[in-house]
Amino acid sequence: MAYCNKACERVERFVNLFESDSIFQEKYLPWINNDMIAKEDYSFIYEKLIATLTERYGSPVQSAHVAELEVTLDLLTPCKRTLVVPSDLNFYQLHRILQDAFEWHDCHLHQFVLKKDSMGRPMKIIQPGFMKNEDWLALDENLESIDSTTVTIREIFESQNKIEYEYDFGDGWIHMIKLKRFIPDCTTPYPHCTEAIGDAPMEDSGGPYGFDEKMKILNDPDHPEHEWISEWVRSAWWHSLDFDAINRRIRQEHRRCIPVQYD
C-alpha cells in the first residue's frame, strides 16, 4: 500500500496540469512512475498492488472472460501472433492491439470481414467515420457494415470462429483471425501476446511480394540496391521479430484495459 500512498503524494504535484475530462492522464503518469521506481526495477503501480493483494489473500484477485486468438498474416514466409484479449473489448480496441502485435503504425484504413450473407456479400466491421468517407474507398451501399466501436469480440466469435482483418487497402495486408478458445476465468486478463512467429513487414513495403523482395535485398550485401534498401528500412524504424518488445508495446498502450472480476 506504500506505493499507492507515494503515488497519491506525487499526483498532487501535477493536479493543475491534468485534463479535467479524462480519467487516464497519460502525459503525466509515466513521470510519476519514473520518479518512484528506478529504471532497472521499472514496473507499473497496478502490478505492485495486484501482487501485494494476491500475496495477502493467497489467491488471484483479478479475472476476466478472455479470448485466445491466433492471427496469421498472409505472407510468403510464416508470420503469426497468438493473443489473449478480454472478450468484452470492441473491435476498434482489437484493431489497436493488432497494430501493436504486428508493429504497424496505424497509418492506413482497416476493416474486419465477417461471414457472407445469403447473397454472397461479406459483412464488414469498419472503423469509426469510415461510412462518411467520400473517396474511392467508400463502401458499397449494398454491403452490410457495423461500426467497430459498437460490437465486442465475444459477440462475434460466439457465432463464428474465423474472420479476416485487412489493413492498408493499397498494400493489402490480410490477417486471418481464428478463435482458439474462450477462457472464462483468466487470471491474466490484460491484452498480451503468448507466441510470435516470423517477422512482420514494415509499413508501405508493397504487400507480401514487395516485402519478400526487400528482405532478399536486405539480406544480400552484394545486391546493387542493398545500401538503399538498408537505409529505407532504418528510416521505417523496422526491426526483426522481438517478442518482448511486442508485449512491452501492447502493455504500454493497453495496460489500462484491465477488467477486474468480469463475469
C-alpha atoms as a PDB file:
ATOM      1  CA  MET A   1       0.000   0.000   0.000  1.00  0.00           C
ATOM      2  CA  ALA A   2       3.006   2.272   0.475  1.00  0.00           C
ATOM      3  CA  TYR A   3       3.359   2.530  -3.309  1.00  0.00           C
ATOM      4  CA  CYS A   4      -0.214   3.822  -3.569  1.00  0.00           C
ATOM      5  CA  ASN A   5       0.393   6.394  -0.835  1.00  0.00           C
ATOM      6  CA  LYS A   6       3.542   7.622  -2.558  1.00  0.00           C
ATOM      7  CA  ALA A   7       1.716   7.811  -5.880  1.00  0.00           C
ATOM      8  CA  CYS A   8      -1.013   9.950  -4.311  1.00  0.00           C
ATOM      9  CA  GLU A   9       1.610  12.311  -2.901  1.00  0.00           C
ATOM     10  CA  ARG A  10       3.228  12.767  -6.292  1.00  0.00           C
ATOM     11  CA  VAL A  11      -0.075  13.211  -8.105  1.00  0.00           C
ATOM     12  CA  GLU A  12      -0.587  16.464  -6.164  1.00  0.00           C
ATOM     13  CA  ARG A  13       2.400  17.966  -7.989  1.00  0.00           C
ATOM     14  CA  PHE A  14       0.632  17.622 -11.339  1.00  0.00           C
ATOM     15  CA  VAL A  15      -3.023  18.244 -10.445  1.00  0.00           C
ATOM     16  CA  ASN A  16      -3.097  21.682 -12.042  1.00  0.00           C
ATOM     17  CA  LEU A  17      -1.840  20.172 -15.305  1.00  0.00           C
ATOM     18  CA  PHE A  18      -4.320  17.283 -15.533  1.00  0.00           C
ATOM     19  CA  GLU A  19      -7.000  17.164 -18.198  1.00  0.00           C
ATOM     20  CA  SER A  20     -10.265  17.515 -16.296  1.00  0.00           C
ATOM     21  CA  ASP A  21     -12.308  15.403 -18.722  1.00  0.00           C
ATOM     22  CA  SER A  22     -10.013  12.346 -18.699  1.00  0.00           C
ATOM     23  CA  ILE A  23      -9.550   9.601 -16.108  1.00  0.00           C
ATOM     24  CA  PHE A  24      -6.224   8.490 -17.616  1.00  0.00           C
ATOM     25  CA  GLN A  25      -3.527  11.168 -17.510  1.00  0.00           C
ATOM     26  CA  GLU A  26      -1.177   9.524 -19.998  1.00  0.00           C
ATOM     27  CA  LYS A  27       1.094  12.549 -20.282  1.00  0.00           C
ATOM     28  CA  TYR A  28       1.991  12.684 -16.577  1.00  0.00           C
ATOM     29  CA  LEU A  29       1.623   9.195 -15.106  1.00  0.00           C
ATOM     30  CA  PRO A  30       4.917   7.961 -16.652  1.00  0.00           C
ATOM     31  CA  TRP A  31       6.691  10.853 -14.887  1.00  0.00           C
ATOM     32  CA  ILE A  32       5.235   9.728 -11.574  1.00  0.00           C
ATOM     33  CA  ASN A  33       6.303   6.122 -12.162  1.00  0.00           C
ATOM     34  CA  ASN A  34       9.796   7.198 -13.201  1.00  0.00           C
ATOM     35  CA  ASP A  35      10.097   9.330 -10.082  1.00  0.00           C
ATOM     36  CA  MET A  36       9.116   6.464  -7.792  1.00  0.00           C
ATOM     37  CA  ILE A  37      10.849   3.445  -9.270  1.00  0.00           C
ATOM     38  CA  ALA A  38      14.348   3.097 -10.687  1.00  0.00           C
ATOM     39  CA  LYS A  39      14.510   2.140 -14.365  1.00  0.00           C
ATOM     40  CA  GLU A  40      16.193  -1.199 -13.651  1.00  0.00           C
ATOM     41  CA  ASP A  41      13.209  -2.175 -11.487  1.00  0.00           C
ATOM     42  CA  TYR A  42      10.579  -0.424 -13.572  1.00  0.00           C
ATOM     43  CA  SER A  43       7.006  -1.633 -13.254  1.00  0.00           C
ATOM     44  CA  PHE A  44       3.534  -0.197 -13.069  1.00  0.00           C
ATOM     45  CA  ILE A  45       1.877   0.642  -9.771  1.00  0.00           C
ATOM     46  CA  TYR A  46      -1.154  -1.514 -10.505  1.00  0.00           C
ATOM     47  CA  GLU A  47       1.187  -4.518 -10.843  1.00  0.00           C
ATOM     48  CA  LYS A  48       2.597  -3.862  -7.390  1.00  0.00           C
ATOM     49  CA  LEU A  49      -0.916  -3.533  -5.973  1.00  0.00           C
ATOM     50  CA  ILE A  50      -2.164  -6.756  -7.606  1.00  0.00           C
ATOM     51  CA  ALA A  51       0.930  -8.680  -6.486  1.00  0.00           C
ATOM     52  CA  THR A  52       0.549  -7.413  -2.924  1.00  0.00           C
ATOM     53  CA  LEU A  53      -3.157  -8.299  -2.759  1.00  0.00           C
ATOM     54  CA  THR A  54      -2.568 -11.735  -4.302  1.00  0.00           C
ATOM     55  CA  GLU A  55       0.128 -12.472  -1.727  1.00  0.00           C
ATOM     56  CA  ARG A  56      -2.052 -11.250   1.126  1.00  0.00           C
ATOM     57  CA  TYR A  57      -5.174 -13.223   0.191  1.00  0.00           C
ATOM     58  CA  GLY A  58      -3.419 -16.268  -1.246  1.00  0.00           C
ATOM     59  CA  SER A  59      -5.403 -16.350  -4.487  1.00  0.00           C
ATOM     60  CA  PRO A  60      -5.760 -14.285  -7.687  1.00  0.00           C
ATOM     61  CA  VAL A  61      -7.639 -11.023  -7.186  1.00  0.00           C
ATOM     62  CA  GLN A  62      -8.459 -10.383 -10.832  1.00  0.00           C
ATOM     63  CA  SER A  63     -10.002 -12.473 -13.570  1.00  0.00           C
ATOM     64  CA  ALA A  64     -11.912 -11.971 -16.795  1.00  0.00           C
ATOM     65  CA  HIS A  65     -13.557 -13.740 -19.676  1.00  0.00           C
ATOM     66  CA  VAL A  66     -10.932 -13.647 -22.443  1.00  0.00           C
ATOM     67  CA  ALA A  67     -10.488 -14.864 -25.994  1.00  0.00           C
ATOM     68  CA  GLU A  68      -7.339 -16.599 -27.203  1.00  0.00           C
ATOM     69  CA  LEU A  69      -6.847 -15.623 -30.844  1.00  0.00           C
ATOM     70  CA  GLU A  70      -4.434 -16.974 -33.436  1.00  0.00           C
ATOM     71  CA  VAL A  71      -3.667 -14.285 -36.008  1.00  0.00           C
ATOM     72  CA  THR A  72      -1.851 -15.281 -39.212  1.00  0.00           C
ATOM     73  CA  LEU A  73      -0.610 -12.648 -41.663  1.00  0.00           C
ATOM     74  CA  ASP A  74      -0.718 -13.762 -45.303  1.00  0.00           C
ATOM     75  CA  LEU A  75       2.947 -13.563 -46.353  1.00  0.00           C
ATOM     76  CA  LEU A  76       5.314 -15.699 -48.397  1.00  0.00           C
ATOM     77  CA  THR A  77       7.044 -16.597 -45.110  1.00  0.00           C
ATOM     78  CA  PRO A  78       5.332 -17.645 -41.833  1.00  0.00           C
ATOM     79  CA  CYS A  79       4.104 -14.763 -39.677  1.00  0.00           C
ATOM     80  CA  LYS A  80       1.754 -15.433 -36.773  1.00  0.00           C
ATOM     81  CA  ARG A  81       0.818 -13.967 -33.383  1.00  0.00           C
ATOM     82  CA  THR A  82      -1.206 -15.652 -30.642  1.00  0.00           C
ATOM     83  CA  LEU A  83      -3.008 -13.128 -28.455  1.00  0.00           C
ATOM     84  CA  VAL A  84      -5.043 -13.193 -25.255  1.00  0.00           C
ATOM     85  CA  VAL A  85      -7.540 -10.322 -25.086  1.00  0.00           C
ATOM     86  CA  PRO A  86     -10.529  -9.517 -22.843  1.00  0.00           C
ATOM     87  CA  SER A  87     -13.582 -10.640 -24.778  1.00  0.00           C
ATOM     88  CA  ASP A  88     -15.580  -7.527 -23.866  1.00  0.00           C
ATOM     89  CA  LEU A  89     -13.260  -5.265 -25.862  1.00  0.00           C
ATOM     90  CA  ASN A  90     -14.745  -3.823 -29.038  1.00  0.00           C
ATOM     91  CA  PHE A  91     -13.260  -4.308 -32.485  1.00  0.00           C
ATOM     92  CA  TYR A  92     -11.636  -0.905 -32.631  1.00  0.00           C
ATOM     93  CA  GLN A  93      -9.709  -1.843 -29.486  1.00  0.00           C
ATOM     94  CA  LEU A  94      -8.823  -5.182 -31.098  1.00  0.00           C
ATOM     95  CA  HIS A  95      -7.562  -3.271 -34.134  1.00  0.00           C
ATOM     96  CA  ARG A  96      -5.251  -1.234 -31.906  1.00  0.00           C
ATOM     97  CA  ILE A  97      -3.907  -4.409 -30.258  1.00  0.00           C
ATOM     98  CA  LEU A  98      -3.280  -5.985 -33.682  1.00  0.00           C
ATOM     99  CA  GLN A  99      -1.393  -2.870 -34.740  1.00  0.00           C
ATOM    100  CA  ASP A 100       0.922  -3.324 -31.765  1.00  0.00           C
ATOM    101  CA  ALA A 101       1.252  -7.094 -32.202  1.00  0.00           C
ATOM    102  CA  PHE A 102       2.469  -6.719 -35.783  1.00  0.00           C
ATOM    103  CA  GLU A 103       4.182  -3.386 -35.071  1.00  0.00           C
ATOM    104  CA  TRP A 104       2.178  -1.424 -37.594  1.00  0.00           C
ATOM    105  CA  HIS A 105       1.781   2.333 -37.107  1.00  0.00           C
ATOM    106  CA  ASP A 106      -1.950   2.756 -37.869  1.00  0.00           C
ATOM    107  CA  CYS A 107      -1.214   4.920 -40.910  1.00  0.00           C
ATOM    108  CA  HIS A 108      -3.914   3.408 -43.141  1.00  0.00           C
ATOM    109  CA  LEU A 109      -7.540   2.337 -43.193  1.00  0.00           C
ATOM    110  CA  HIS A 110      -8.626  -1.079 -41.955  1.00  0.00           C
ATOM    111  CA  GLN A 111     -11.656  -3.366 -41.818  1.00  0.00           C
ATOM    112  CA  PHE A 112     -12.751  -6.732 -40.451  1.00  0.00           C
ATOM    113  CA  VAL A 113     -14.507  -9.032 -42.920  1.00  0.00           C
ATOM    114  CA  LEU A 114     -17.029 -11.478 -41.484  1.00  0.00           C
ATOM    115  CA  LYS A 115     -19.059 -14.289 -42.998  1.00  0.00           C
ATOM    116  CA  LYS A 116     -21.017 -13.706 -46.199  1.00  0.00           C
ATOM    117  CA  ASP A 117     -24.776 -13.218 -46.286  1.00  0.00           C
ATOM    118  CA  SER A 118     -27.284 -15.227 -48.331  1.00  0.00           C
ATOM    119  CA  MET A 119     -26.391 -13.165 -51.416  1.00  0.00           C
ATOM    120  CA  GLY A 120     -22.702 -13.956 -51.062  1.00  0.00           C
ATOM    121  CA  ARG A 121     -21.820 -10.461 -49.874  1.00  0.00           C
ATOM    122  CA  PRO A 122     -19.424 -10.120 -46.906  1.00  0.00           C
ATOM    123  CA  MET A 123     -20.485  -8.334 -43.739  1.00  0.00           C
ATOM    124  CA  LYS A 124     -17.817  -5.874 -42.580  1.00  0.00           C
ATOM    125  CA  ILE A 125     -16.818  -4.259 -39.311  1.00  0.00           C
ATOM    126  CA  ILE A 126     -15.409  -0.859 -40.193  1.00  0.00           C
ATOM    127  CA  GLN A 127     -13.565   1.856 -38.333  1.00  0.00           C
ATOM    128  CA  PRO A 128     -15.459   4.854 -36.896  1.00  0.00           C
ATOM    129  CA  GLY A 129     -16.173   7.509 -39.522  1.00  0.00           C
ATOM    130  CA  PHE A 130     -15.383   5.233 -42.457  1.00  0.00           C
ATOM    131  CA  MET A 131     -19.006   5.274 -43.635  1.00  0.00           C
ATOM    132  CA  LYS A 132     -18.672   9.037 -44.160  1.00  0.00           C
ATOM    133  CA  ASN A 133     -15.535   8.649 -46.256  1.00  0.00           C
ATOM    134  CA  GLU A 134     -16.238  10.045 -49.730  1.00  0.00           C
ATOM    135  CA  ASP A 135     -13.053   8.959 -51.502  1.00  0.00           C
ATOM    136  CA  TRP A 136     -12.588   5.918 -53.785  1.00  0.00           C
ATOM    137  CA  LEU A 137     -12.550   3.619 -50.756  1.00  0.00           C
ATOM    138  CA  ALA A 138     -16.155   4.419 -49.843  1.00  0.00           C
ATOM    139  CA  LEU A 139     -18.240   1.345 -49.110  1.00  0.00           C
ATOM    140  CA  ASP A 140     -20.786  -0.160 -51.460  1.00  0.00           C
ATOM    141  CA  GLU A 141     -24.135   0.912 -50.020  1.00  0.00           C
ATOM    142  CA  ASN A 142     -25.465  -2.608 -50.559  1.00  0.00           C
ATOM    143  CA  LEU A 143     -22.953  -4.164 -48.155  1.00  0.00           C
ATOM    144  CA  GLU A 144     -23.897  -4.570 -44.529  1.00  0.00           C
ATOM    145  CA  SER A 145     -21.413  -2.918 -42.194  1.00  0.00           C
ATOM    146  CA  ILE A 146     -21.008  -2.397 -38.446  1.00  0.00           C
ATOM    147  CA  ASP A 147     -19.182   0.394 -36.598  1.00  0.00           C
ATOM    148  CA  SER A 148     -16.214  -1.273 -34.864  1.00  0.00           C
ATOM    149  CA  THR A 149     -16.864   0.573 -31.585  1.00  0.00           C
ATOM    150  CA  THR A 150     -20.340  -0.971 -31.228  1.00  0.00           C
ATOM    151  CA  VAL A 151     -19.614  -4.713 -31.288  1.00  0.00           C
ATOM    152  CA  THR A 152     -17.443  -6.839 -28.971  1.00  0.00           C
ATOM    153  CA  ILE A 153     -15.047  -9.698 -29.610  1.00  0.00           C
ATOM    154  CA  ARG A 154     -17.286 -12.062 -27.660  1.00  0.00           C
ATOM    155  CA  GLU A 155     -20.395 -11.179 -29.670  1.00  0.00           C
ATOM    156  CA  ILE A 156     -18.748 -12.022 -32.991  1.00  0.00           C
ATOM    157  CA  PHE A 157     -16.712 -15.071 -32.029  1.00  0.00           C
ATOM    158  CA  GLU A 158     -19.592 -16.754 -30.253  1.00  0.00           C
ATOM    159  CA  SER A 159     -21.182 -17.280 -33.676  1.00  0.00           C
ATOM    160  CA  GLN A 160     -18.084 -17.892 -35.832  1.00  0.00           C
ATOM    161  CA  ASN A 161     -14.503 -18.916 -35.173  1.00  0.00           C
ATOM    162  CA  LYS A 162     -12.671 -17.236 -38.031  1.00  0.00           C
ATOM    163  CA  ILE A 163     -12.707 -13.726 -39.513  1.00  0.00           C
ATOM    164  CA  GLU A 164     -10.409 -11.593 -41.669  1.00  0.00           C
ATOM    165  CA  TYR A 165      -8.637  -8.373 -40.736  1.00  0.00           C
ATOM    166  CA  GLU A 166      -7.371  -6.193 -43.583  1.00  0.00           C
ATOM    167  CA  TYR A 167      -5.001  -3.299 -43.010  1.00  0.00           C
ATOM    168  CA  ASP A 168      -3.814  -0.829 -45.683  1.00  0.00           C
ATOM    169  CA  PHE A 169      -6.020  -1.378 -48.722  1.00  0.00           C
ATOM    170  CA  GLY A 170      -3.121  -0.405 -51.001  1.00  0.00           C
ATOM    171  CA  ASP A 171      -0.591  -2.994 -49.802  1.00  0.00           C
ATOM    172  CA  GLY A 172      -3.416  -5.329 -48.780  1.00  0.00           C
ATOM    173  CA  TRP A 173      -2.168  -6.878 -45.546  1.00  0.00           C
ATOM    174  CA  ILE A 174      -4.605  -9.723 -44.883  1.00  0.00           C
ATOM    175  CA  HIS A 175      -4.673 -11.268 -41.399  1.00  0.00           C
ATOM    176  CA  MET A 176      -6.749 -14.367 -40.650  1.00  0.00           C
ATOM    177  CA  ILE A 177      -8.014 -14.297 -37.056  1.00  0.00           C
ATOM    178  CA  LYS A 178      -9.016 -17.667 -35.630  1.00  0.00           C
ATOM    179  CA  LEU A 179     -10.589 -18.205 -32.227  1.00  0.00           C
ATOM    180  CA  LYS A 180      -8.627 -20.889 -30.393  1.00  0.00           C
ATOM    181  CA  ARG A 181     -10.792 -20.830 -27.272  1.00  0.00           C
ATOM    182  CA  PHE A 182     -12.613 -18.720 -24.720  1.00  0.00           C
ATOM    183  CA  ILE A 183     -11.190 -18.746 -21.182  1.00  0.00           C
ATOM    184  CA  PRO A 184     -13.963 -17.836 -18.686  1.00  0.00           C
ATOM    185  CA  ASP A 185     -11.779 -17.046 -15.656  1.00  0.00           C
ATOM    186  CA  CYS A 186      -8.369 -15.977 -16.918  1.00  0.00           C
ATOM    187  CA  THR A 187      -6.170 -14.562 -14.147  1.00  0.00           C
ATOM    188  CA  THR A 188      -4.004 -12.640 -16.652  1.00  0.00           C
ATOM    189  CA  PRO A 189      -6.865 -10.768 -18.346  1.00  0.00           C
ATOM    190  CA  TYR A 190      -4.919  -7.893 -19.829  1.00  0.00           C
ATOM    191  CA  PRO A 191      -4.092  -7.961 -23.579  1.00  0.00           C
ATOM    192  CA  HIS A 192      -0.831  -9.814 -24.245  1.00  0.00           C
ATOM    193  CA  CYS A 193       0.947 -11.948 -26.819  1.00  0.00           C
ATOM    194  CA  THR A 194       1.746 -15.555 -25.893  1.00  0.00           C
ATOM    195  CA  GLU A 195       3.505 -16.620 -29.099  1.00  0.00           C
ATOM    196  CA  ALA A 196       5.082 -14.826 -32.044  1.00  0.00           C
ATOM    197  CA  ILE A 197       6.429 -16.432 -35.219  1.00  0.00           C
ATOM    198  CA  GLY A 198       8.148 -14.635 -38.084  1.00  0.00           C
ATOM    199  CA  ASP A 199       8.991 -11.050 -38.982  1.00  0.00           C
ATOM    200  CA  ALA A 200       6.123  -8.677 -39.731  1.00  0.00           C
ATOM    201  CA  PRO A 201       6.551  -6.275 -42.673  1.00  0.00           C
ATOM    202  CA  MET A 202       7.375  -2.612 -42.429  1.00  0.00           C
ATOM    203  CA  GLU A 203       4.746  -0.068 -43.462  1.00  0.00           C
ATOM    204  CA  ASP A 204       4.379   0.697 -47.192  1.00  0.00           C
ATOM    205  CA  SER A 205       6.646  -2.151 -48.269  1.00  0.00           C
ATOM    206  CA  GLY A 206       4.492  -3.144 -51.223  1.00  0.00           C
ATOM    207  CA  GLY A 207       2.426  -6.056 -49.970  1.00  0.00           C
ATOM    208  CA  PRO A 208       3.628  -9.647 -49.463  1.00  0.00           C
ATOM    209  CA  TYR A 209       5.720  -9.766 -52.643  1.00  0.00           C
ATOM    210  CA  GLY A 210       7.196  -6.300 -52.089  1.00  0.00           C
ATOM    211  CA  PHE A 211       8.192  -7.182 -48.536  1.00  0.00           C
ATOM    212  CA  ASP A 212       9.689 -10.502 -49.654  1.00  0.00           C
ATOM    213  CA  GLU A 213      11.785  -8.755 -52.310  1.00  0.00           C
ATOM    214  CA  LYS A 214      13.003  -6.100 -49.854  1.00  0.00           C
ATOM    215  CA  MET A 215      14.038  -8.765 -47.339  1.00  0.00           C
ATOM    216  CA  LYS A 216      16.026 -10.636 -50.010  1.00  0.00           C
ATOM    217  CA  ILE A 217      17.873  -7.440 -50.900  1.00  0.00           C
ATOM    218  CA  LEU A 218      18.395  -6.563 -47.234  1.00  0.00           C
ATOM    219  CA  ASN A 219      19.991  -9.971 -46.619  1.00  0.00           C
ATOM    220  CA  ASP A 220      22.244  -9.759 -49.698  1.00  0.00           C
ATOM    221  CA  PRO A 221      25.139  -7.319 -49.122  1.00  0.00           C
ATOM    222  CA  ASP A 222      26.227  -7.749 -52.747  1.00  0.00           C
ATOM    223  CA  HIS A 223      22.925  -6.655 -54.231  1.00  0.00           C
ATOM    224  CA  PRO A 224      23.233  -3.273 -56.021  1.00  0.00           C
ATOM    225  CA  GLU A 225      20.240  -1.885 -54.082  1.00  0.00           C
ATOM    226  CA  HIS A 226      21.342  -3.248 -50.691  1.00  0.00           C
ATOM    227  CA  GLU A 227      22.574   0.092 -49.321  1.00  0.00           C
ATOM    228  CA  TRP A 228      19.486   1.974 -50.447  1.00  0.00           C
ATOM    229  CA  ILE A 229      17.064  -0.635 -49.063  1.00  0.00           C
ATOM    230  CA  SER A 230      19.018  -0.801 -45.784  1.00  0.00           C
ATOM    231  CA  GLU A 231      18.673   2.955 -45.367  1.00  0.00           C
ATOM    232  CA  TRP A 232      14.976   2.818 -46.242  1.00  0.00           C
ATOM    233  CA  VAL A 233      14.374   0.061 -43.681  1.00  0.00           C
ATOM    234  CA  ARG A 234      16.189   2.055 -40.979  1.00  0.00           C
ATOM    235  CA  SER A 235      14.081   5.121 -41.780  1.00  0.00           C
ATOM    236  CA  ALA A 236      10.949   2.980 -41.359  1.00  0.00           C
ATOM    237  CA  TRP A 237      12.073   2.019 -37.819  1.00  0.00           C
ATOM    238  CA  TRP A 238      11.731  -1.634 -38.732  1.00  0.00           C
ATOM    239  CA  HIS A 239      13.404  -4.459 -36.831  1.00  0.00           C
ATOM    240  CA  SER A 240      13.199  -8.239 -36.872  1.00  0.00           C
ATOM    241  CA  LEU A 241      10.936 -10.141 -34.504  1.00  0.00           C
ATOM    242  CA  ASP A 242      11.340  -9.187 -30.838  1.00  0.00           C
ATOM    243  CA  PHE A 243       8.755 -10.974 -28.687  1.00  0.00           C
ATOM    244  CA  ASP A 244       9.472  -8.927 -25.560  1.00  0.00           C
ATOM    245  CA  ALA A 245       9.219  -5.676 -27.499  1.00  0.00           C
ATOM    246  CA  ILE A 246       5.780  -6.670 -28.796  1.00  0.00           C
ATOM    247  CA  ASN A 247       4.492  -7.249 -25.276  1.00  0.00           C
ATOM    248  CA  ARG A 248       6.077  -4.052 -23.988  1.00  0.00           C
ATOM    249  CA  ARG A 249       4.303  -2.130 -26.733  1.00  0.00           C
ATOM    250  CA  ILE A 250       0.966  -3.819 -26.024  1.00  0.00           C
ATOM    251  CA  ARG A 251       1.350  -3.282 -22.278  1.00  0.00           C
ATOM    252  CA  GLN A 252       2.300   0.364 -22.693  1.00  0.00           C
ATOM    253  CA  GLU A 253      -0.856   1.181 -24.628  1.00  0.00           C
ATOM    254  CA  HIS A 254      -3.381  -1.299 -23.259  1.00  0.00           C
ATOM    255  CA  ARG A 255      -2.477  -1.753 -19.578  1.00  0.00           C
ATOM    256  CA  ARG A 256      -5.469   0.412 -18.661  1.00  0.00           C
ATOM    257  CA  CYS A 257      -7.930  -2.033 -20.316  1.00  0.00           C
ATOM    258  CA  ILE A 258      -7.963  -4.452 -17.402  1.00  0.00           C
ATOM    259  CA  PRO A 259     -11.434  -5.634 -16.368  1.00  0.00           C
ATOM    260  CA  VAL A 260     -11.483  -6.877 -12.768  1.00  0.00           C
ATOM    261  CA  GLN A 261     -13.788  -9.739 -11.768  1.00  0.00           C
ATOM    262  CA  TYR A 262     -15.637  -9.553 -15.082  1.00  0.00           C
ATOM    263  CA  ASP A 263     -18.457 -12.132 -15.337  1.00  0.00           C
END
